[in-house]
Amino acid sequence: MKFNELVTKKSKPASRAGRGISAGRGKTAGRGTKGQGARKSPTRQGFAGGQTPLYMQIPKLRGFKSKFVKAENVYTGQLEAIKKQTIDNAVLAEEGLISNQHVAVKLINKGELKTKKTVRLQSASAGAIKAVENAGGQVEMIARVFRPAKKIDKKDS
């Protein structure tokens, strides 16, 4: 027996909608009464009933970038390896724990901290602050260090 030689038997004949009262599905032909779904043409794909469709609401072009800058995370266990007493963005950038010193940094409690450190960062979790203070150190919240503005030379002619 081959797949193309198989013969199937339909269990019931196909119903023909909209062929009069005696056909069983006449008049409205299963579409209900009135409204958009009862009309002859269906709504186009993505149509949201007069509301601005989702595909128009979202930003166009690939590579949409949010203006909100996410903070980079540093863990309390990573601070133990740093030999300096005061830890800030510049020290973390030197150690390679953050991408550069101009990003926002958040300290998160993960790992043990045994040495006394003074941590000067943009934010820290409550558990991380407690862990630093238990080790005898302190946490100071400071503003993010922005890149210096580029100087534009205007040559007078």
N, C-alpha and C. Protein backbone atom coordinates (compact mmCIF):
# COMPACT_ATOMS: atom_id res chain seq x y z
N MET A 1 0.84 -1.18 0.00
CA MET A 1 0.00 0.00 0.00
C MET A 1 0.88 1.25 0.00
N LYS A 2 0.53 2.19 -0.83
CA LYS A 2 1.28 3.43 -0.94
C LYS A 2 0.44 4.58 -0.40
N PHE A 3 1.15 5.62 0.02
CA PHE A 3 0.48 6.77 0.61
C PHE A 3 -0.50 7.43 -0.36
N ASN A 4 -0.10 7.53 -1.61
CA ASN A 4 -0.96 8.16 -2.60
C ASN A 4 -2.15 7.29 -3.01
N GLU A 5 -2.17 6.02 -2.59
CA GLU A 5 -3.27 5.12 -2.94
C GLU A 5 -4.32 5.03 -1.83
N LEU A 6 -4.05 5.70 -0.69
CA LEU A 6 -5.01 5.67 0.41
C LEU A 6 -6.27 6.40 0.01
N VAL A 7 -7.42 5.83 0.39
CA VAL A 7 -8.70 6.45 0.07
C VAL A 7 -9.39 6.78 1.38
N THR A 8 -9.74 8.04 1.55
CA THR A 8 -10.45 8.44 2.77
C THR A 8 -11.91 8.66 2.46
N LYS A 9 -12.73 8.51 3.47
CA LYS A 9 -14.16 8.67 3.29
C LYS A 9 -14.62 9.83 4.16
N LYS A 10 -15.28 10.83 3.55
CA LYS A 10 -15.79 11.95 4.32
C LYS A 10 -16.98 11.48 5.14
N SER A 11 -17.02 11.98 6.40
CA SER A 11 -18.10 11.53 7.28
C SER A 11 -19.42 12.24 6.99
N LYS A 12 -19.38 13.51 6.53
CA LYS A 12 -20.61 14.19 6.17
C LYS A 12 -20.33 15.15 5.02
N PRO A 13 -21.34 15.44 4.26
CA PRO A 13 -21.12 16.34 3.12
C PRO A 13 -20.85 17.77 3.58
N ALA A 14 -20.13 18.53 2.78
CA ALA A 14 -19.82 19.91 3.10
C ALA A 14 -21.09 20.74 3.09
N SER A 15 -21.24 21.62 4.10
CA SER A 15 -22.44 22.45 4.15
C SER A 15 -22.21 23.68 3.28
N ARG A 16 -23.28 24.11 2.59
CA ARG A 16 -23.18 25.27 1.72
C ARG A 16 -23.97 26.40 2.37
N ALA A 17 -23.24 27.37 2.94
CA ALA A 17 -23.88 28.46 3.66
C ALA A 17 -24.50 29.47 2.70
N GLY A 18 -25.60 30.06 3.14
CA GLY A 18 -26.23 31.13 2.37
C GLY A 18 -26.94 30.66 1.14
N ARG A 19 -27.60 29.50 1.21
CA ARG A 19 -28.31 28.96 0.04
C ARG A 19 -29.81 28.83 0.32
N GLY A 20 -30.36 29.71 1.11
CA GLY A 20 -31.82 29.70 1.33
C GLY A 20 -32.20 29.10 2.67
N ILE A 21 -33.47 29.29 3.03
CA ILE A 21 -33.99 28.86 4.34
C ILE A 21 -33.89 27.35 4.52
N SER A 22 -34.24 26.58 3.51
CA SER A 22 -34.29 25.13 3.66
C SER A 22 -32.90 24.50 3.79
N ALA A 23 -31.85 25.22 3.45
CA ALA A 23 -30.49 24.66 3.53
C ALA A 23 -29.98 24.56 4.98
N GLY A 24 -30.66 25.23 5.88
CA GLY A 24 -30.23 25.15 7.28
C GLY A 24 -29.30 26.28 7.71
N ARG A 25 -28.58 26.85 6.74
CA ARG A 25 -27.70 27.97 7.07
C ARG A 25 -27.94 29.10 6.07
N GLY A 26 -29.19 29.46 5.92
CA GLY A 26 -29.56 30.51 5.00
C GLY A 26 -29.57 31.87 5.67
N LYS A 27 -30.15 32.84 4.99
CA LYS A 27 -30.27 34.24 5.43
C LYS A 27 -28.93 34.79 5.91
N THR A 28 -28.62 34.76 7.21
CA THR A 28 -27.37 35.36 7.69
C THR A 28 -26.17 34.43 7.52
N ALA A 29 -26.40 33.17 7.20
CA ALA A 29 -25.37 32.19 6.87
C ALA A 29 -24.31 32.03 7.98
N GLY A 30 -24.76 32.03 9.24
CA GLY A 30 -23.83 31.79 10.35
C GLY A 30 -23.02 33.00 10.75
N ARG A 31 -23.34 34.18 10.17
CA ARG A 31 -22.57 35.37 10.49
C ARG A 31 -23.20 36.21 11.60
N GLY A 32 -24.30 35.79 12.15
CA GLY A 32 -24.99 36.60 13.15
C GLY A 32 -25.75 37.71 12.45
N THR A 33 -26.17 38.72 13.24
CA THR A 33 -26.92 39.81 12.63
C THR A 33 -26.16 41.12 12.76
N LYS A 34 -26.08 41.84 11.70
CA LYS A 34 -25.47 43.17 11.63
C LYS A 34 -24.00 43.20 12.10
N GLY A 35 -23.43 44.35 12.06
CA GLY A 35 -22.05 44.52 12.54
C GLY A 35 -21.01 44.24 11.48
N GLN A 36 -19.76 44.49 11.85
CA GLN A 36 -18.66 44.41 10.90
C GLN A 36 -18.44 42.99 10.37
N GLY A 37 -18.60 42.00 11.24
CA GLY A 37 -18.37 40.61 10.84
C GLY A 37 -19.43 40.07 9.90
N ALA A 38 -20.58 40.73 9.85
CA ALA A 38 -21.67 40.26 8.99
C ALA A 38 -21.52 40.76 7.56
N ARG A 39 -20.67 41.73 7.33
CA ARG A 39 -20.53 42.31 6.00
C ARG A 39 -19.72 41.40 5.08
N LYS A 40 -19.74 41.74 3.79
CA LYS A 40 -19.13 40.83 2.81
C LYS A 40 -17.61 40.77 2.86
N SER A 41 -16.95 41.92 3.19
CA SER A 41 -15.48 41.89 3.19
C SER A 41 -14.95 41.82 4.62
N PRO A 42 -13.95 40.98 4.84
CA PRO A 42 -13.39 40.87 6.19
C PRO A 42 -12.50 42.08 6.51
N THR A 43 -12.22 42.29 7.78
CA THR A 43 -11.31 43.37 8.17
C THR A 43 -9.89 42.99 7.77
N ARG A 44 -9.10 44.01 7.45
CA ARG A 44 -7.73 43.73 7.04
C ARG A 44 -6.89 43.28 8.24
N GLN A 45 -5.80 42.62 7.96
CA GLN A 45 -4.93 42.11 9.01
C GLN A 45 -4.31 43.28 9.79
N GLY A 46 -4.37 43.20 11.12
CA GLY A 46 -3.81 44.24 11.96
C GLY A 46 -4.79 45.34 12.30
N PHE A 47 -6.02 45.29 11.75
CA PHE A 47 -7.03 46.32 12.03
C PHE A 47 -7.48 46.21 13.47
N ALA A 48 -7.54 47.35 14.18
CA ALA A 48 -7.86 47.33 15.61
C ALA A 48 -9.13 48.10 15.91
N GLY A 49 -10.10 48.08 14.99
CA GLY A 49 -11.40 48.69 15.24
C GLY A 49 -11.38 50.19 15.38
N GLY A 50 -10.55 50.89 14.62
CA GLY A 50 -10.51 52.34 14.70
C GLY A 50 -9.42 52.86 15.62
N GLN A 51 -8.98 52.03 16.55
CA GLN A 51 -7.86 52.40 17.43
C GLN A 51 -6.57 52.29 16.62
N THR A 52 -5.55 53.08 16.98
CA THR A 52 -4.28 53.01 16.26
C THR A 52 -3.69 51.60 16.42
N PRO A 53 -3.45 50.90 15.33
CA PRO A 53 -2.98 49.52 15.42
C PRO A 53 -1.61 49.41 16.08
N LEU A 54 -1.33 48.27 16.65
CA LEU A 54 -0.09 48.04 17.38
C LEU A 54 1.13 48.25 16.49
N TYR A 55 1.05 47.83 15.23
CA TYR A 55 2.21 47.97 14.35
C TYR A 55 2.53 49.44 14.05
N MET A 56 1.58 50.34 14.27
CA MET A 56 1.84 51.77 14.09
C MET A 56 2.33 52.42 15.39
N GLN A 57 2.02 51.81 16.52
CA GLN A 57 2.40 52.37 17.81
C GLN A 57 3.87 52.14 18.13
N ILE A 58 4.41 51.00 17.72
CA ILE A 58 5.79 50.67 18.08
C ILE A 58 6.78 51.39 17.16
N PRO A 59 7.99 51.66 17.64
CA PRO A 59 8.96 52.42 16.85
C PRO A 59 9.34 51.69 15.56
N LYS A 60 9.60 52.48 14.52
CA LYS A 60 10.01 51.91 13.24
C LYS A 60 11.51 51.66 13.25
N LEU A 61 11.96 50.96 12.28
CA LEU A 61 13.37 50.64 12.05
C LEU A 61 13.98 49.78 13.14
N ARG A 62 14.84 48.90 12.73
CA ARG A 62 15.54 48.05 13.70
C ARG A 62 16.54 48.89 14.46
N GLY A 63 16.88 48.46 15.64
CA GLY A 63 17.88 49.17 16.41
C GLY A 63 17.31 50.30 17.23
N PHE A 64 16.03 50.24 17.57
CA PHE A 64 15.47 51.26 18.46
C PHE A 64 16.20 51.20 19.78
N LYS A 65 16.61 52.35 20.28
CA LYS A 65 17.38 52.40 21.51
C LYS A 65 16.67 53.30 22.51
N SER A 66 16.43 52.75 23.66
CA SER A 66 15.78 53.52 24.72
C SER A 66 16.72 54.60 25.23
N LYS A 67 16.15 55.75 25.60
CA LYS A 67 16.95 56.84 26.14
C LYS A 67 17.29 56.60 27.60
N PHE A 68 16.59 55.67 28.24
CA PHE A 68 16.85 55.34 29.64
C PHE A 68 18.11 54.49 29.72
N VAL A 69 19.08 54.94 30.50
CA VAL A 69 20.35 54.22 30.62
C VAL A 69 20.27 53.26 31.80
N LYS A 70 20.46 51.99 31.54
CA LYS A 70 20.43 51.00 32.61
C LYS A 70 21.74 51.00 33.37
N ALA A 71 21.66 50.76 34.66
CA ALA A 71 22.85 50.72 35.50
C ALA A 71 23.57 49.39 35.32
N GLU A 72 24.89 49.41 35.41
CA GLU A 72 25.67 48.18 35.38
C GLU A 72 25.80 47.68 36.82
N ASN A 73 25.74 46.37 36.99
CA ASN A 73 25.75 45.78 38.33
C ASN A 73 27.14 45.37 38.76
N VAL A 74 27.43 45.62 40.04
CA VAL A 74 28.66 45.16 40.68
C VAL A 74 28.23 44.47 41.96
N TYR A 75 28.88 43.34 42.28
CA TYR A 75 28.48 42.56 43.45
C TYR A 75 29.46 42.76 44.61
N THR A 76 28.93 42.59 45.84
CA THR A 76 29.74 42.81 47.04
C THR A 76 30.94 41.86 47.08
N GLY A 77 30.78 40.65 46.57
CA GLY A 77 31.88 39.67 46.53
C GLY A 77 33.03 40.12 45.64
N GLN A 78 32.74 40.91 44.61
CA GLN A 78 33.77 41.41 43.70
C GLN A 78 34.61 42.51 44.34
N LEU A 79 34.05 43.21 45.33
CA LEU A 79 34.78 44.30 45.99
C LEU A 79 35.93 43.78 46.85
N GLU A 80 35.83 42.53 47.29
CA GLU A 80 36.87 41.92 48.14
C GLU A 80 38.21 41.85 47.41
N ALA A 81 38.20 41.64 46.09
CA ALA A 81 39.44 41.50 45.32
C ALA A 81 40.14 42.85 45.09
N ILE A 82 39.40 43.96 45.25
CA ILE A 82 39.99 45.29 45.03
C ILE A 82 40.78 45.69 46.27
N LYS A 83 42.03 46.11 46.07
CA LYS A 83 42.91 46.44 47.18
C LYS A 83 42.69 47.85 47.73
N LYS A 84 42.15 48.75 46.93
CA LYS A 84 41.96 50.14 47.37
C LYS A 84 40.86 50.23 48.43
N GLN A 85 41.01 51.21 49.32
CA GLN A 85 40.06 51.41 50.41
C GLN A 85 38.77 52.09 49.91
N THR A 86 38.92 53.11 49.08
CA THR A 86 37.76 53.82 48.53
C THR A 86 37.47 53.32 47.12
N ILE A 87 36.22 52.94 46.93
CA ILE A 87 35.83 52.37 45.64
C ILE A 87 34.80 53.29 44.98
N ASP A 88 35.11 53.73 43.76
CA ASP A 88 34.17 54.53 42.98
C ASP A 88 34.19 54.05 41.53
N ASN A 89 33.54 54.80 40.64
CA ASN A 89 33.44 54.39 39.23
C ASN A 89 34.81 54.23 38.56
N ALA A 90 35.73 55.15 38.84
CA ALA A 90 37.05 55.11 38.22
C ALA A 90 37.80 53.84 38.62
N VAL A 91 37.73 53.46 39.90
CA VAL A 91 38.42 52.25 40.40
C VAL A 91 37.80 51.00 39.76
N LEU A 92 36.46 50.96 39.69
CA LEU A 92 35.79 49.80 39.09
C LEU A 92 36.11 49.67 37.60
N ALA A 93 36.26 50.80 36.91
CA ALA A 93 36.62 50.77 35.48
C ALA A 93 38.05 50.27 35.29
N GLU A 94 38.97 50.68 36.18
CA GLU A 94 40.37 50.20 36.13
C GLU A 94 40.43 48.70 36.32
N GLU A 95 39.62 48.19 37.25
CA GLU A 95 39.60 46.76 37.55
C GLU A 95 38.89 45.94 36.48
N GLY A 96 38.15 46.61 35.59
CA GLY A 96 37.44 45.91 34.51
C GLY A 96 36.09 45.37 34.92
N LEU A 97 35.53 45.85 36.04
CA LEU A 97 34.23 45.37 36.49
C LEU A 97 33.07 46.11 35.81
N ILE A 98 33.35 47.31 35.28
CA ILE A 98 32.35 48.04 34.51
C ILE A 98 32.97 48.49 33.19
N SER A 99 32.14 48.83 32.22
CA SER A 99 32.64 49.15 30.88
C SER A 99 33.46 50.44 30.84
N ASN A 100 33.00 51.49 31.54
CA ASN A 100 33.77 52.73 31.65
C ASN A 100 33.28 53.51 32.86
N GLN A 101 34.00 54.55 33.25
CA GLN A 101 33.68 55.24 34.49
C GLN A 101 32.49 56.18 34.39
N HIS A 102 31.93 56.35 33.20
CA HIS A 102 30.82 57.27 33.01
C HIS A 102 29.45 56.61 33.06
N VAL A 103 29.38 55.33 33.35
CA VAL A 103 28.10 54.63 33.43
C VAL A 103 27.56 54.67 34.86
N ALA A 104 26.24 54.48 34.99
CA ALA A 104 25.63 54.37 36.31
C ALA A 104 25.91 52.96 36.84
N VAL A 105 26.23 52.86 38.13
CA VAL A 105 26.60 51.57 38.72
C VAL A 105 25.72 51.30 39.94
N LYS A 106 25.27 50.05 40.07
CA LYS A 106 24.49 49.65 41.24
C LYS A 106 25.20 48.51 41.94
N LEU A 107 25.33 48.62 43.26
CA LEU A 107 25.95 47.57 44.08
C LEU A 107 24.86 46.63 44.55
N ILE A 108 25.09 45.34 44.32
CA ILE A 108 24.11 44.31 44.69
C ILE A 108 24.77 43.31 45.63
N ASN A 109 24.01 42.84 46.61
CA ASN A 109 24.52 41.91 47.61
C ASN A 109 24.60 40.49 47.05
N LYS A 110 25.84 40.06 46.75
CA LYS A 110 26.07 38.70 46.27
C LYS A 110 27.53 38.38 46.57
N GLY A 111 27.77 37.48 47.44
CA GLY A 111 29.12 37.16 47.88
C GLY A 111 29.45 37.89 49.18
N GLU A 112 30.53 37.46 49.83
CA GLU A 112 30.90 38.04 51.13
C GLU A 112 31.89 39.18 50.99
N LEU A 113 31.76 40.13 51.89
CA LEU A 113 32.69 41.25 51.98
C LEU A 113 33.20 41.29 53.42
N LYS A 114 34.51 41.10 53.61
CA LYS A 114 35.09 41.03 54.96
C LYS A 114 35.92 42.25 55.30
N THR A 115 36.48 42.93 54.28
CA THR A 115 37.34 44.07 54.55
C THR A 115 36.55 45.37 54.54
N LYS A 116 37.07 46.36 55.28
CA LYS A 116 36.42 47.65 55.40
C LYS A 116 36.65 48.46 54.12
N LYS A 117 35.56 48.89 53.50
CA LYS A 117 35.64 49.64 52.24
C LYS A 117 34.68 50.85 52.30
N THR A 118 35.08 51.92 51.67
CA THR A 118 34.19 53.06 51.46
C THR A 118 33.75 53.02 50.01
N VAL A 119 32.45 52.83 49.80
CA VAL A 119 31.91 52.66 48.46
C VAL A 119 31.15 53.92 48.07
N ARG A 120 31.55 54.54 46.96
CA ARG A 120 30.91 55.76 46.45
C ARG A 120 30.34 55.47 45.06
N LEU A 121 29.05 55.09 45.01
CA LEU A 121 28.40 54.72 43.75
C LEU A 121 27.05 55.41 43.61
N GLN A 122 26.39 55.20 42.45
CA GLN A 122 25.12 55.85 42.17
C GLN A 122 23.96 55.22 42.93
N SER A 123 23.97 53.90 43.11
CA SER A 123 22.90 53.24 43.86
C SER A 123 23.38 51.92 44.41
N ALA A 124 22.64 51.42 45.40
CA ALA A 124 22.98 50.14 46.03
C ALA A 124 21.71 49.54 46.61
N SER A 125 21.64 48.23 46.62
CA SER A 125 20.49 47.56 47.21
C SER A 125 20.60 47.63 48.73
N ALA A 126 19.48 47.45 49.42
CA ALA A 126 19.46 47.53 50.88
C ALA A 126 20.36 46.46 51.50
N GLY A 127 20.35 45.26 50.91
CA GLY A 127 21.20 44.17 51.41
C GLY A 127 22.68 44.46 51.23
N ALA A 128 23.02 45.12 50.11
CA ALA A 128 24.42 45.46 49.84
C ALA A 128 24.92 46.51 50.82
N ILE A 129 24.09 47.51 51.12
CA ILE A 129 24.46 48.55 52.08
C ILE A 129 24.70 47.92 53.45
N LYS A 130 23.84 47.01 53.82
CA LYS A 130 23.96 46.32 55.12
C LYS A 130 25.24 45.49 55.16
N ALA A 131 25.58 44.80 54.06
CA ALA A 131 26.78 43.97 54.01
C ALA A 131 28.05 44.81 54.13
N VAL A 132 28.08 45.98 53.49
CA VAL A 132 29.25 46.87 53.56
C VAL A 132 29.39 47.44 54.97
N GLU A 133 28.27 47.83 55.57
CA GLU A 133 28.30 48.39 56.92
C GLU A 133 28.67 47.33 57.96
N ASN A 134 28.26 46.08 57.76
CA ASN A 134 28.63 44.99 58.67
C ASN A 134 30.13 44.70 58.62
N ALA A 135 30.74 44.97 57.45
CA ALA A 135 32.19 44.77 57.31
C ALA A 135 32.97 45.96 57.87
N GLY A 136 32.26 47.00 58.33
CA GLY A 136 32.92 48.17 58.91
C GLY A 136 33.07 49.34 57.96
N GLY A 137 32.54 49.22 56.76
CA GLY A 137 32.66 50.28 55.76
C GLY A 137 31.44 51.15 55.71
N GLN A 138 31.38 51.99 54.70
CA GLN A 138 30.21 52.85 54.51
C GLN A 138 29.91 53.02 53.03
N VAL A 139 28.64 53.32 52.73
CA VAL A 139 28.19 53.51 51.35
C VAL A 139 27.72 54.95 51.19
N GLU A 140 28.24 55.63 50.17
CA GLU A 140 27.82 57.00 49.84
C GLU A 140 27.20 56.99 48.46
N MET A 141 26.04 57.65 48.33
CA MET A 141 25.39 57.77 47.03
C MET A 141 25.87 59.06 46.37
N ILE A 142 26.38 58.93 45.15
CA ILE A 142 26.87 60.09 44.40
C ILE A 142 26.18 60.15 43.05
N ALA A 143 26.23 61.30 42.40
CA ALA A 143 25.65 61.45 41.06
C ALA A 143 26.56 60.80 40.03
N ARG A 144 25.97 60.43 38.91
CA ARG A 144 26.73 59.81 37.82
C ARG A 144 27.74 60.80 37.25
N VAL A 145 28.93 60.30 36.94
CA VAL A 145 29.98 61.13 36.36
C VAL A 145 29.81 61.12 34.84
N PHE A 146 29.42 62.27 34.29
CA PHE A 146 29.20 62.35 32.84
C PHE A 146 30.51 62.64 32.11
N ARG A 147 30.52 62.31 30.83
CA ARG A 147 31.69 62.61 30.00
C ARG A 147 31.83 64.13 29.88
N PRO A 148 33.06 64.62 29.79
CA PRO A 148 33.23 66.06 29.60
C PRO A 148 32.73 66.49 28.22
N ALA A 149 32.15 67.66 28.14
CA ALA A 149 31.61 68.17 26.88
C ALA A 149 32.74 68.44 25.90
N LYS A 150 32.48 68.15 24.64
CA LYS A 150 33.49 68.40 23.60
C LYS A 150 33.53 69.90 23.30
N LYS A 151 34.75 70.42 23.17
CA LYS A 151 34.92 71.83 22.87
C LYS A 151 34.88 72.02 21.36
N ILE A 152 34.09 72.99 20.94
CA ILE A 152 33.97 73.28 19.50
C ILE A 152 34.80 74.54 19.22
N ASP A 153 35.79 74.38 18.38
CA ASP A 153 36.62 75.54 18.01
C ASP A 153 35.95 76.32 16.90
N LYS A 154 35.65 77.57 17.20
CA LYS A 154 35.06 78.43 16.18
C LYS A 154 36.16 79.39 15.69
N LYS A 155 36.54 79.20 14.48
CA LYS A 155 37.59 80.03 13.90
C LYS A 155 36.96 81.26 13.25
N ASP A 156 37.39 82.41 13.69
CA ASP A 156 36.88 83.65 13.10
C ASP A 156 37.67 83.95 11.82
N SER A 157 36.99 84.27 10.79
CA SER A 157 37.69 84.57 9.53
C SER A 157 37.71 86.03 9.21
